[in-house]
Amino acid sequence: MTDFMKWLRVELLRLRSFDWGFGSWRMHWLKDGVAKCSSDYFTNELAARIGISEEQLLSLIDSPSVLSELEAKSFTIAWKEGCIALTWLEEGINGLTTDIKRHYYEENGRFYLECRIINKLIYLDGTERIVKDTGDPKRVCITERQFAEAKEEIRRSNESKD
């Protein structure tokens, strides 16, 4: 089995559970709870990551073994202008939400931000599943100006809700 096939099999498993890995992702909503999902990879970065040339990568995506693997798992692959896209359909999804929780504070004359991001799938029956959670917030030191700008943005946001 080639290094590309190993990568592909692992990536397809990740994508099915909405672990986007290092690819950028898109969701396009069709009708009746069907989402068309895509994960995009720059060919030069992917080839370097796998340890093959970009030309080898492009020849592999059209090989019968790769096409068979993709078809068996209901994925398609496309190449366009230096980018490969893996695409598949997911049924029963009503939406995808992203919750961002930020906490700004001052401690001993220094300014900090703690942030946590949680992505959730919302199914047609209303149930939810967390597909990505950055975990416990990590403390990041920010400048006094960033702190002031964030506080002002929060104030304006709260005013617009009233």
C-alpha atoms as a PDB file:
ATOM      1  CA  MET A   1       0.000   0.000   0.000  1.00  0.00           C
ATOM      2  CA  THR A   2       1.384   3.395  -0.986  1.00  0.00           C
ATOM      3  CA  ASP A   3       1.865   6.269   1.441  1.00  0.00           C
ATOM      4  CA  PHE A   4      -0.867   8.131  -0.402  1.00  0.00           C
ATOM      5  CA  MET A   5      -3.349   5.267   0.079  1.00  0.00           C
ATOM      6  CA  LYS A   6      -2.517   5.139   3.794  1.00  0.00           C
ATOM      7  CA  TRP A   7      -3.112   8.867   4.065  1.00  0.00           C
ATOM      8  CA  LEU A   8      -6.338   8.615   2.049  1.00  0.00           C
ATOM      9  CA  ARG A   9      -7.831   5.827   4.174  1.00  0.00           C
ATOM     10  CA  VAL A  10      -7.074   7.652   7.412  1.00  0.00           C
ATOM     11  CA  GLU A  11      -8.343  10.965   6.020  1.00  0.00           C
ATOM     12  CA  LEU A  12     -11.639   9.443   4.846  1.00  0.00           C
ATOM     13  CA  LEU A  13     -12.211   8.024   8.336  1.00  0.00           C
ATOM     14  CA  ARG A  14     -11.458  11.415   9.883  1.00  0.00           C
ATOM     15  CA  LEU A  15     -13.723  13.281   7.516  1.00  0.00           C
ATOM     16  CA  ARG A  16     -16.667  10.944   8.148  1.00  0.00           C
ATOM     17  CA  SER A  17     -16.472  11.891  11.825  1.00  0.00           C
ATOM     18  CA  PHE A  18     -16.004  15.594  10.943  1.00  0.00           C
ATOM     19  CA  ASP A  19     -12.370  15.734  12.035  1.00  0.00           C
ATOM     20  CA  TRP A  20     -11.183  18.076   9.286  1.00  0.00           C
ATOM     21  CA  GLY A  21      -7.491  17.438   9.909  1.00  0.00           C
ATOM     22  CA  PHE A  22      -5.269  19.958   8.167  1.00  0.00           C
ATOM     23  CA  GLY A  23      -7.594  20.482   5.186  1.00  0.00           C
ATOM     24  CA  SER A  24      -9.807  23.516   4.896  1.00  0.00           C
ATOM     25  CA  TRP A  25     -13.476  22.640   4.782  1.00  0.00           C
ATOM     26  CA  ARG A  26     -16.777  23.730   3.291  1.00  0.00           C
ATOM     27  CA  MET A  27     -20.392  22.707   3.747  1.00  0.00           C
ATOM     28  CA  HIS A  28     -23.059  23.512   1.185  1.00  0.00           C
ATOM     29  CA  TRP A  29     -26.644  22.871   2.229  1.00  0.00           C
ATOM     30  CA  LEU A  30     -28.747  21.019  -0.284  1.00  0.00           C
ATOM     31  CA  LYS A  31     -32.364  20.227   0.532  1.00  0.00           C
ATOM     32  CA  ASP A  32     -34.019  17.916   3.052  1.00  0.00           C
ATOM     33  CA  GLY A  33     -31.165  17.824   5.547  1.00  0.00           C
ATOM     34  CA  VAL A  34     -28.451  16.872   3.052  1.00  0.00           C
ATOM     35  CA  ALA A  35     -25.113  18.627   3.349  1.00  0.00           C
ATOM     36  CA  LYS A  36     -22.457  18.500   0.649  1.00  0.00           C
ATOM     37  CA  CYS A  37     -19.158  18.494   2.525  1.00  0.00           C
ATOM     38  CA  SER A  38     -15.738  19.204   1.049  1.00  0.00           C
ATOM     39  CA  SER A  39     -12.246  19.203   2.451  1.00  0.00           C
ATOM     40  CA  ASP A  40      -9.596  20.976   0.379  1.00  0.00           C
ATOM     41  CA  TYR A  41      -5.845  20.386   0.323  1.00  0.00           C
ATOM     42  CA  PHE A  42      -3.120  22.316  -1.491  1.00  0.00           C
ATOM     43  CA  THR A  43      -1.376  19.750  -3.692  1.00  0.00           C
ATOM     44  CA  ASN A  44       2.144  21.015  -2.930  1.00  0.00           C
ATOM     45  CA  GLU A  45       1.541  20.862   0.857  1.00  0.00           C
ATOM     46  CA  LEU A  46      -0.139  17.461   0.679  1.00  0.00           C
ATOM     47  CA  ALA A  47       2.621  15.984  -1.492  1.00  0.00           C
ATOM     48  CA  ALA A  48       5.281  17.267   0.919  1.00  0.00           C
ATOM     49  CA  ARG A  49       3.345  15.926   3.904  1.00  0.00           C
ATOM     50  CA  ILE A  50       3.100  12.447   2.335  1.00  0.00           C
ATOM     51  CA  GLY A  51       6.655  12.512   0.975  1.00  0.00           C
ATOM     52  CA  ILE A  52       5.939  12.260  -2.747  1.00  0.00           C
ATOM     53  CA  SER A  53       6.189  14.678  -5.649  1.00  0.00           C
ATOM     54  CA  GLU A  54       3.231  16.770  -6.737  1.00  0.00           C
ATOM     55  CA  GLU A  55       3.290  14.983 -10.114  1.00  0.00           C
ATOM     56  CA  GLN A  56       3.063  11.584  -8.377  1.00  0.00           C
ATOM     57  CA  LEU A  57       0.184  12.852  -6.291  1.00  0.00           C
ATOM     58  CA  LEU A  58      -1.743  14.050  -9.319  1.00  0.00           C
ATOM     59  CA  SER A  59      -1.229  10.758 -11.144  1.00  0.00           C
ATOM     60  CA  LEU A  60      -2.371   8.778  -8.087  1.00  0.00           C
ATOM     61  CA  ILE A  61      -5.711  10.548  -7.731  1.00  0.00           C
ATOM     62  CA  ASP A  62      -6.841   9.091 -11.062  1.00  0.00           C
ATOM     63  CA  SER A  63      -5.567   5.573 -10.385  1.00  0.00           C
ATOM     64  CA  PRO A  64      -8.092   2.715 -10.293  1.00  0.00           C
ATOM     65  CA  SER A  65      -7.200   1.808  -6.688  1.00  0.00           C
ATOM     66  CA  VAL A  66      -7.844   5.349  -5.448  1.00  0.00           C
ATOM     67  CA  LEU A  67     -11.067   5.725  -7.420  1.00  0.00           C
ATOM     68  CA  SER A  68     -12.264   2.352  -6.130  1.00  0.00           C
ATOM     69  CA  GLU A  69     -11.472   3.320  -2.526  1.00  0.00           C
ATOM     70  CA  LEU A  70     -13.328   6.608  -2.887  1.00  0.00           C
ATOM     71  CA  GLU A  71     -16.348   5.021  -4.550  1.00  0.00           C
ATOM     72  CA  ALA A  72     -16.601   2.335  -1.868  1.00  0.00           C
ATOM     73  CA  LYS A  73     -16.801   5.057   0.786  1.00  0.00           C
ATOM     74  CA  SER A  74     -19.085   7.388  -1.258  1.00  0.00           C
ATOM     75  CA  PHE A  75     -16.470  10.118  -1.745  1.00  0.00           C
ATOM     76  CA  THR A  76     -15.380  11.930  -4.875  1.00  0.00           C
ATOM     77  CA  ILE A  77     -12.062  13.628  -5.584  1.00  0.00           C
ATOM     78  CA  ALA A  78     -11.354  16.596  -7.812  1.00  0.00           C
ATOM     79  CA  TRP A  79      -8.270  18.569  -8.737  1.00  0.00           C
ATOM     80  CA  LYS A  80      -8.248  22.215  -9.757  1.00  0.00           C
ATOM     81  CA  GLU A  81      -5.471  24.808  -9.825  1.00  0.00           C
ATOM     82  CA  GLY A  82      -3.155  23.375  -7.198  1.00  0.00           C
ATOM     83  CA  CYS A  83      -5.878  22.049  -4.923  1.00  0.00           C
ATOM     84  CA  ILE A  84      -7.449  18.629  -4.321  1.00  0.00           C
ATOM     85  CA  ALA A  85     -10.981  18.411  -2.921  1.00  0.00           C
ATOM     86  CA  LEU A  86     -12.509  15.364  -1.245  1.00  0.00           C
ATOM     87  CA  THR A  87     -16.303  15.641  -1.317  1.00  0.00           C
ATOM     88  CA  TRP A  88     -19.145  13.601   0.149  1.00  0.00           C
ATOM     89  CA  LEU A  89     -22.793  13.929   1.159  1.00  0.00           C
ATOM     90  CA  GLU A  90     -24.116  13.705   4.692  1.00  0.00           C
ATOM     91  CA  GLU A  91     -27.803  13.166   5.325  1.00  0.00           C
ATOM     92  CA  GLY A  92     -29.829  14.101   8.390  1.00  0.00           C
ATOM     93  CA  ILE A  93     -27.988  17.297   9.289  1.00  0.00           C
ATOM     94  CA  ASN A  94     -29.900  20.466  10.049  1.00  0.00           C
ATOM     95  CA  GLY A  95     -26.919  22.701  10.711  1.00  0.00           C
ATOM     96  CA  LEU A  96     -23.435  23.253  12.043  1.00  0.00           C
ATOM     97  CA  THR A  97     -22.846  25.750  14.843  1.00  0.00           C
ATOM     98  CA  THR A  98     -19.695  27.274  16.231  1.00  0.00           C
ATOM     99  CA  ASP A  99     -19.683  28.502  19.819  1.00  0.00           C
ATOM    100  CA  ILE A 100     -16.811  30.820  20.677  1.00  0.00           C
ATOM    101  CA  LYS A 101     -16.321  31.670  24.324  1.00  0.00           C
ATOM    102  CA  ARG A 102     -13.847  34.443  25.083  1.00  0.00           C
ATOM    103  CA  HIS A 103     -12.842  35.793  28.433  1.00  0.00           C
ATOM    104  CA  TYR A 104     -10.709  38.933  28.664  1.00  0.00           C
ATOM    105  CA  TYR A 105      -9.126  39.979  31.948  1.00  0.00           C
ATOM    106  CA  GLU A 106      -6.310  41.874  33.597  1.00  0.00           C
ATOM    107  CA  GLU A 107      -3.992  40.323  36.147  1.00  0.00           C
ATOM    108  CA  ASN A 108      -1.020  42.052  37.765  1.00  0.00           C
ATOM    109  CA  GLY A 109      -0.939  44.747  35.078  1.00  0.00           C
ATOM    110  CA  ARG A 110      -0.937  42.248  32.182  1.00  0.00           C
ATOM    111  CA  PHE A 111      -3.829  41.533  29.844  1.00  0.00           C
ATOM    112  CA  TYR A 112      -5.096  38.096  28.907  1.00  0.00           C
ATOM    113  CA  LEU A 113      -7.544  36.294  26.677  1.00  0.00           C
ATOM    114  CA  GLU A 114      -8.885  32.804  27.249  1.00  0.00           C
ATOM    115  CA  CYS A 115     -10.747  31.269  24.340  1.00  0.00           C
ATOM    116  CA  ARG A 116     -12.604  28.022  23.689  1.00  0.00           C
ATOM    117  CA  ILE A 117     -14.192  27.001  20.379  1.00  0.00           C
ATOM    118  CA  ILE A 118     -16.804  24.267  20.070  1.00  0.00           C
ATOM    119  CA  ASN A 119     -18.247  23.078  16.738  1.00  0.00           C
ATOM    120  CA  LYS A 120     -21.517  21.143  16.887  1.00  0.00           C
ATOM    121  CA  LEU A 121     -23.589  19.303  14.304  1.00  0.00           C
ATOM    122  CA  ILE A 122     -27.329  19.724  14.701  1.00  0.00           C
ATOM    123  CA  TYR A 123     -29.301  16.748  13.391  1.00  0.00           C
ATOM    124  CA  LEU A 124     -32.820  16.891  11.931  1.00  0.00           C
ATOM    125  CA  ASP A 125     -34.292  15.484  15.156  1.00  0.00           C
ATOM    126  CA  GLY A 126     -32.745  18.354  17.144  1.00  0.00           C
ATOM    127  CA  THR A 127     -29.999  16.337  18.796  1.00  0.00           C
ATOM    128  CA  GLU A 128     -26.473  17.733  18.775  1.00  0.00           C
ATOM    129  CA  ARG A 129     -23.011  16.246  18.560  1.00  0.00           C
ATOM    130  CA  ILE A 130     -19.774  18.028  19.356  1.00  0.00           C
ATOM    131  CA  VAL A 131     -17.385  17.453  16.478  1.00  0.00           C
ATOM    132  CA  LYS A 132     -14.572  19.725  17.643  1.00  0.00           C
ATOM    133  CA  ASP A 133     -13.718  21.220  20.991  1.00  0.00           C
ATOM    134  CA  THR A 134     -10.504  23.088  21.674  1.00  0.00           C
ATOM    135  CA  GLY A 135     -10.783  22.008  25.314  1.00  0.00           C
ATOM    136  CA  ASP A 136     -10.034  24.021  28.390  1.00  0.00           C
ATOM    137  CA  PRO A 137      -9.260  27.609  27.468  1.00  0.00           C
ATOM    138  CA  LYS A 138      -5.592  28.443  27.124  1.00  0.00           C
ATOM    139  CA  ARG A 139      -4.406  31.773  28.500  1.00  0.00           C
ATOM    140  CA  VAL A 140      -2.817  34.080  25.939  1.00  0.00           C
ATOM    141  CA  CYS A 141      -1.152  37.347  26.804  1.00  0.00           C
ATOM    142  CA  ILE A 142      -2.467  40.267  24.719  1.00  0.00           C
ATOM    143  CA  THR A 143      -1.589  43.951  24.484  1.00  0.00           C
ATOM    144  CA  GLU A 144      -3.419  46.641  26.418  1.00  0.00           C
ATOM    145  CA  ARG A 145      -4.704  48.006  23.099  1.00  0.00           C
ATOM    146  CA  GLN A 146      -6.128  44.589  22.080  1.00  0.00           C
ATOM    147  CA  PHE A 147      -7.748  44.359  25.505  1.00  0.00           C
ATOM    148  CA  ALA A 148      -9.345  47.819  25.169  1.00  0.00           C
ATOM    149  CA  GLU A 149     -10.567  47.089  21.617  1.00  0.00           C
ATOM    150  CA  ALA A 150     -12.113  43.794  22.722  1.00  0.00           C
ATOM    151  CA  LYS A 151     -13.896  45.430  25.665  1.00  0.00           C
ATOM    152  CA  GLU A 152     -15.258  48.155  23.340  1.00  0.00           C
ATOM    153  CA  GLU A 153     -16.485  45.544  20.843  1.00  0.00           C
ATOM    154  CA  ILE A 154     -18.257  43.665  23.653  1.00  0.00           C
ATOM    155  CA  ARG A 155     -19.853  46.916  24.867  1.00  0.00           C
ATOM    156  CA  ARG A 156     -21.142  47.770  21.353  1.00  0.00           C
ATOM    157  CA  SER A 157     -22.430  44.223  20.899  1.00  0.00           C
ATOM    158  CA  ASN A 158     -24.328  44.405  24.188  1.00  0.00           C
ATOM    159  CA  GLU A 159     -25.827  47.802  23.236  1.00  0.00           C
ATOM    160  CA  SER A 160     -27.077  46.471  19.911  1.00  0.00           C
ATOM    161  CA  LYS A 161     -28.891  43.625  21.722  1.00  0.00           C
ATOM    162  CA  ASP A 162     -30.863  46.109  23.840  1.00  0.00           C
END
